[in-house]
C-alpha atoms as a PDB file:
ATOM      1  CA  MET A   1       1.898 -14.808  -4.568  1.00  0.00           C
ATOM      2  CA  GLY A   2       4.026 -16.762  -2.078  1.00  0.00           C
ATOM      3  CA  GLY A   3       2.730 -15.022   1.091  1.00  0.00           C
ATOM      4  CA  GLY A   4      -0.977 -14.723   0.457  1.00  0.00           C
ATOM      5  CA  ALA A   5      -3.077 -11.489   0.348  1.00  0.00           C
ATOM      6  CA  ILE A   6      -1.961 -10.276   3.747  1.00  0.00           C
ATOM      7  CA  LEU A   7       1.670 -10.562   3.229  1.00  0.00           C
ATOM      8  CA  ASP A   8       1.779  -9.504  -0.426  1.00  0.00           C
ATOM      9  CA  LEU A   9      -0.962  -6.763  -0.351  1.00  0.00           C
ATOM     10  CA  GLY A  10      -2.120  -6.219   3.232  1.00  0.00           C
ATOM     11  CA  VAL A  11       1.057  -4.871   4.589  1.00  0.00           C
ATOM     12  CA  TYR A  12       0.268  -1.686   2.711  1.00  0.00           C
ATOM     13  CA  MET A  13      -3.074  -1.191   4.417  1.00  0.00           C
ATOM     14  CA  LEU A  14      -1.647  -1.992   7.825  1.00  0.00           C
ATOM     15  CA  GLN A  15       1.145   0.472   7.316  1.00  0.00           C
ATOM     16  CA  PHE A  16      -1.249   3.127   6.152  1.00  0.00           C
ATOM     17  CA  GLN A  17      -3.540   2.738   9.333  1.00  0.00           C
ATOM     18  CA  GLN A  18      -0.418   2.792  11.576  1.00  0.00           C
ATOM     19  CA  TYR A  19       0.610   6.111   9.856  1.00  0.00           C
ATOM     20  CA  VAL A  20      -2.818   7.459  10.507  1.00  0.00           C
ATOM     21  CA  PHE A  21      -2.848   6.367  14.244  1.00  0.00           C
ATOM     22  CA  ARG A  22       0.800   7.310  14.804  1.00  0.00           C
ATOM     23  CA  GLY A  23       2.113   5.554  17.932  1.00  0.00           C
ATOM     24  CA  LEU A  24      -1.280   4.577  19.440  1.00  0.00           C
ATOM     25  CA  ARG A  25      -1.515   0.924  20.598  1.00  0.00           C
ATOM     26  CA  PRO A  26      -4.613  -1.098  19.644  1.00  0.00           C
ATOM     27  CA  ILE A  27      -6.853  -2.204  22.414  1.00  0.00           C
ATOM     28  CA  ASN A  28      -8.604  -4.859  20.249  1.00  0.00           C
ATOM     29  CA  ILE A  29      -8.086  -6.413  16.946  1.00  0.00           C
ATOM     30  CA  ALA A  30     -10.757  -8.582  15.294  1.00  0.00           C
ATOM     31  CA  VAL A  31      -9.777 -10.422  12.074  1.00  0.00           C
ATOM     32  CA  ASN A  32     -11.407 -12.665   9.578  1.00  0.00           C
ATOM     33  CA  SER A  33     -10.030 -14.243   6.335  1.00  0.00           C
ATOM     34  CA  HIS A  34     -10.777 -16.608   3.555  1.00  0.00           C
ATOM     35  CA  LEU A  35      -8.309 -19.401   2.587  1.00  0.00           C
ATOM     36  CA  ASN A  36      -7.963 -21.012  -0.802  1.00  0.00           C
ATOM     37  CA  ASP A  37      -7.483 -24.703  -1.397  1.00  0.00           C
ATOM     38  CA  GLN A  38      -3.744 -24.411  -0.731  1.00  0.00           C
ATOM     39  CA  LYS A  39      -4.571 -22.827   2.709  1.00  0.00           C
ATOM     40  CA  THR A  40      -3.182 -19.430   1.572  1.00  0.00           C
ATOM     41  CA  ASP A  41      -5.174 -16.365   2.600  1.00  0.00           C
ATOM     42  CA  GLU A  42      -7.017 -14.964  -0.451  1.00  0.00           C
ATOM     43  CA  SER A  43      -8.727 -12.112   1.425  1.00  0.00           C
ATOM     44  CA  ALA A  44      -8.770 -10.650   4.865  1.00  0.00           C
ATOM     45  CA  GLY A  45     -10.457  -7.995   6.858  1.00  0.00           C
ATOM     46  CA  ALA A  46      -9.770  -6.532  10.278  1.00  0.00           C
ATOM     47  CA  ILE A  47     -11.287  -4.052  12.665  1.00  0.00           C
ATOM     48  CA  ILE A  48      -8.554  -2.534  14.817  1.00  0.00           C
ATOM     49  CA  THR A  49      -9.919  -0.599  17.838  1.00  0.00           C
ATOM     50  CA  TYR A  50      -7.824   2.154  19.501  1.00  0.00           C
ATOM     51  CA  PRO A  51      -8.367   4.208  22.752  1.00  0.00           C
ATOM     52  CA  ASP A  52     -10.808   7.143  22.714  1.00  0.00           C
ATOM     53  CA  GLY A  53     -13.175   5.543  20.118  1.00  0.00           C
ATOM     54  CA  LYS A  54     -10.756   5.505  17.213  1.00  0.00           C
ATOM     55  CA  MET A  55     -11.012   2.628  14.835  1.00  0.00           C
ATOM     56  CA  ALA A  56      -9.441   1.381  11.632  1.00  0.00           C
ATOM     57  CA  VAL A  57     -11.386  -0.945   9.236  1.00  0.00           C
ATOM     58  CA  VAL A  58      -9.039  -2.582   6.723  1.00  0.00           C
ATOM     59  CA  SER A  59      -9.471  -5.211   4.017  1.00  0.00           C
ATOM     60  CA  THR A  60      -7.224  -6.809   1.343  1.00  0.00           C
ATOM     61  CA  SER A  61      -7.904  -9.388  -1.337  1.00  0.00           C
ATOM     62  CA  ALA A  62      -6.111 -11.265  -4.018  1.00  0.00           C
ATOM     63  CA  ARG A  63      -9.497 -12.763  -5.062  1.00  0.00           C
ATOM     64  CA  VAL A  64     -11.474  -9.668  -6.024  1.00  0.00           C
ATOM     65  CA  SER A  65     -10.631  -6.162  -7.176  1.00  0.00           C
ATOM     66  CA  LEU A  66     -10.855  -3.675  -4.300  1.00  0.00           C
ATOM     67  CA  PRO A  67     -10.470   0.131  -4.552  1.00  0.00           C
ATOM     68  CA  ASN A  68      -6.824   0.963  -3.872  1.00  0.00           C
ATOM     69  CA  GLU A  69      -7.749   3.917  -1.698  1.00  0.00           C
ATOM     70  CA  GLY A  70      -7.088   4.854   1.961  1.00  0.00           C
ATOM     71  CA  THR A  71      -9.889   6.880   3.525  1.00  0.00           C
ATOM     72  CA  VAL A  72      -9.620   8.734   6.838  1.00  0.00           C
ATOM     73  CA  VAL A  73     -12.917   9.775   8.423  1.00  0.00           C
ATOM     74  CA  GLY A  74     -12.848  12.038  11.504  1.00  0.00           C
ATOM     75  CA  THR A  75     -14.868  14.645  13.299  1.00  0.00           C
ATOM     76  CA  LYS A  76     -13.628  17.460  11.104  1.00  0.00           C
ATOM     77  CA  GLY A  77     -14.158  15.620   7.747  1.00  0.00           C
ATOM     78  CA  THR A  78     -12.927  13.028   5.265  1.00  0.00           C
ATOM     79  CA  ILE A  79      -9.758  12.593   3.373  1.00  0.00           C
ATOM     80  CA  ARG A  80      -9.407  10.141   0.471  1.00  0.00           C
ATOM     81  CA  MET A  81      -6.029   8.969  -0.761  1.00  0.00           C
ATOM     82  CA  PRO A  82      -6.060   7.110  -4.121  1.00  0.00           C
ATOM     83  CA  ASP A  83      -3.043   4.696  -4.371  1.00  0.00           C
ATOM     84  CA  PHE A  84      -2.418   5.274  -0.683  1.00  0.00           C
ATOM     85  CA  TRP A  85       0.892   3.414  -0.693  1.00  0.00           C
ATOM     86  CA  CYS A  86       2.376   6.088  -2.965  1.00  0.00           C
ATOM     87  CA  PRO A  87      -0.297   8.850  -3.265  1.00  0.00           C
ATOM     88  CA  THR A  88      -0.006  11.837  -5.488  1.00  0.00           C
ATOM     89  CA  GLN A  89      -3.179  13.515  -4.243  1.00  0.00           C
ATOM     90  CA  LEU A  90      -5.395  14.045  -1.265  1.00  0.00           C
ATOM     91  CA  ILE A  91      -9.188  14.467  -1.884  1.00  0.00           C
ATOM     92  CA  THR A  92     -11.546  16.198   0.463  1.00  0.00           C
ATOM     93  CA  PRO A  93     -15.117  17.222  -0.194  1.00  0.00           C
ATOM     94  CA  GLU A  94     -13.995  20.762  -0.679  1.00  0.00           C
ATOM     95  CA  LYS A  95     -10.836  20.304  -2.810  1.00  0.00           C
ATOM     96  CA  THR A  96      -8.175  18.043  -4.269  1.00  0.00           C
ATOM     97  CA  VAL A  97      -4.500  18.687  -3.249  1.00  0.00           C
ATOM     98  CA  ALA A  98      -1.972  17.281  -5.766  1.00  0.00           C
ATOM     99  CA  PHE A  99       1.663  16.633  -4.759  1.00  0.00           C
ATOM    100  CA  PHE A 100       4.613  14.713  -5.988  1.00  0.00           C
ATOM    101  CA  HIS A 101       7.245  12.793  -4.130  1.00  0.00           C
ATOM    102  CA  LYS A 102      10.739  14.050  -4.214  1.00  0.00           C
ATOM    103  CA  ASN A 103      12.663  12.685  -7.255  1.00  0.00           C
ATOM    104  CA  SER A 104       9.532  10.720  -8.303  1.00  0.00           C
ATOM    105  CA  ALA A 105      10.064  11.739 -11.967  1.00  0.00           C
ATOM    106  CA  GLY A 106      13.333   9.800 -12.164  1.00  0.00           C
ATOM    107  CA  LEU A 107      11.424   6.515 -11.363  1.00  0.00           C
ATOM    108  CA  ALA A 108       9.978   6.786 -14.917  1.00  0.00           C
ATOM    109  CA  TYR A 109      13.423   6.318 -16.386  1.00  0.00           C
ATOM    110  CA  GLN A 110      14.159   3.305 -14.243  1.00  0.00           C
ATOM    111  CA  ALA A 111      10.671   1.810 -15.192  1.00  0.00           C
ATOM    112  CA  GLU A 112      11.287   2.362 -18.918  1.00  0.00           C
ATOM    113  CA  GLU A 113      14.903   0.777 -18.639  1.00  0.00           C
ATOM    114  CA  ALA A 114      13.387  -2.218 -16.752  1.00  0.00           C
ATOM    115  CA  ARG A 115      10.763  -2.609 -19.532  1.00  0.00           C
ATOM    116  CA  GLN A 116      13.344  -2.564 -22.304  1.00  0.00           C
ATOM    117  CA  CYS A 117      15.442  -5.213 -20.383  1.00  0.00           C
ATOM    118  CA  ILE A 118      12.412  -7.509 -19.940  1.00  0.00           C
ATOM    119  CA  LYS A 119      11.535  -7.071 -23.644  1.00  0.00           C
ATOM    120  CA  ALA A 120      15.072  -7.975 -24.613  1.00  0.00           C
ATOM    121  CA  GLY A 121      15.042 -11.114 -22.443  1.00  0.00           C
ATOM    122  CA  TRP A 122      17.803  -9.716 -20.136  1.00  0.00           C
ATOM    123  CA  MET A 123      18.015 -11.060 -16.676  1.00  0.00           C
ATOM    124  CA  SER A 124      20.297  -8.207 -15.397  1.00  0.00           C
ATOM    125  CA  ASN A 125      21.433  -4.650 -16.536  1.00  0.00           C
ATOM    126  CA  GLU A 126      25.106  -3.610 -16.223  1.00  0.00           C
ATOM    127  CA  PHE A 127      24.142  -0.047 -15.409  1.00  0.00           C
ATOM    128  CA  PHE A 128      21.966  -1.011 -12.434  1.00  0.00           C
ATOM    129  CA  LEU A 129      24.698  -3.470 -11.286  1.00  0.00           C
ATOM    130  CA  VAL A 130      27.204  -0.581 -11.267  1.00  0.00           C
ATOM    131  CA  LEU A 131      24.773   1.613  -9.318  1.00  0.00           C
ATOM    132  CA  ARG A 132      24.279  -1.148  -6.773  1.00  0.00           C
ATOM    133  CA  ARG A 133      27.996  -1.563  -6.240  1.00  0.00           C
ATOM    134  CA  VAL A 134      28.472   2.164  -5.824  1.00  0.00           C
ATOM    135  CA  ALA A 135      25.443   2.399  -3.374  1.00  0.00           C
ATOM    136  CA  PHE A 136      26.512  -0.366  -1.268  1.00  0.00           C
END
């Protein structure tokens, strides 16, 4: 992990809270972190305060296993999003709503092809190189 917990993992939690508070500018940010012997952040947490009493509490760690879940708590209830960086469901106390991203089923084929290439010891795949040339 070249960038530490914040760069490699924390960007997802920060993006999630920015999505929740769309366009609001924080009025205060309090951050704390733990550095390893190489002075790379292993874990970090922040409280981000917004106008009108809104607040985000975020944490990330490369040191311990944290739940990969985004939770939004508001005056009208709570929404939980497992795997919040690419969720397939929203969970409320009343129900669970499942959904799928457009074209997400195709990713399974790409993942399987990548797995086969890795098992074969290949560093590249001609099919993906052709796709890249066509796309760019």
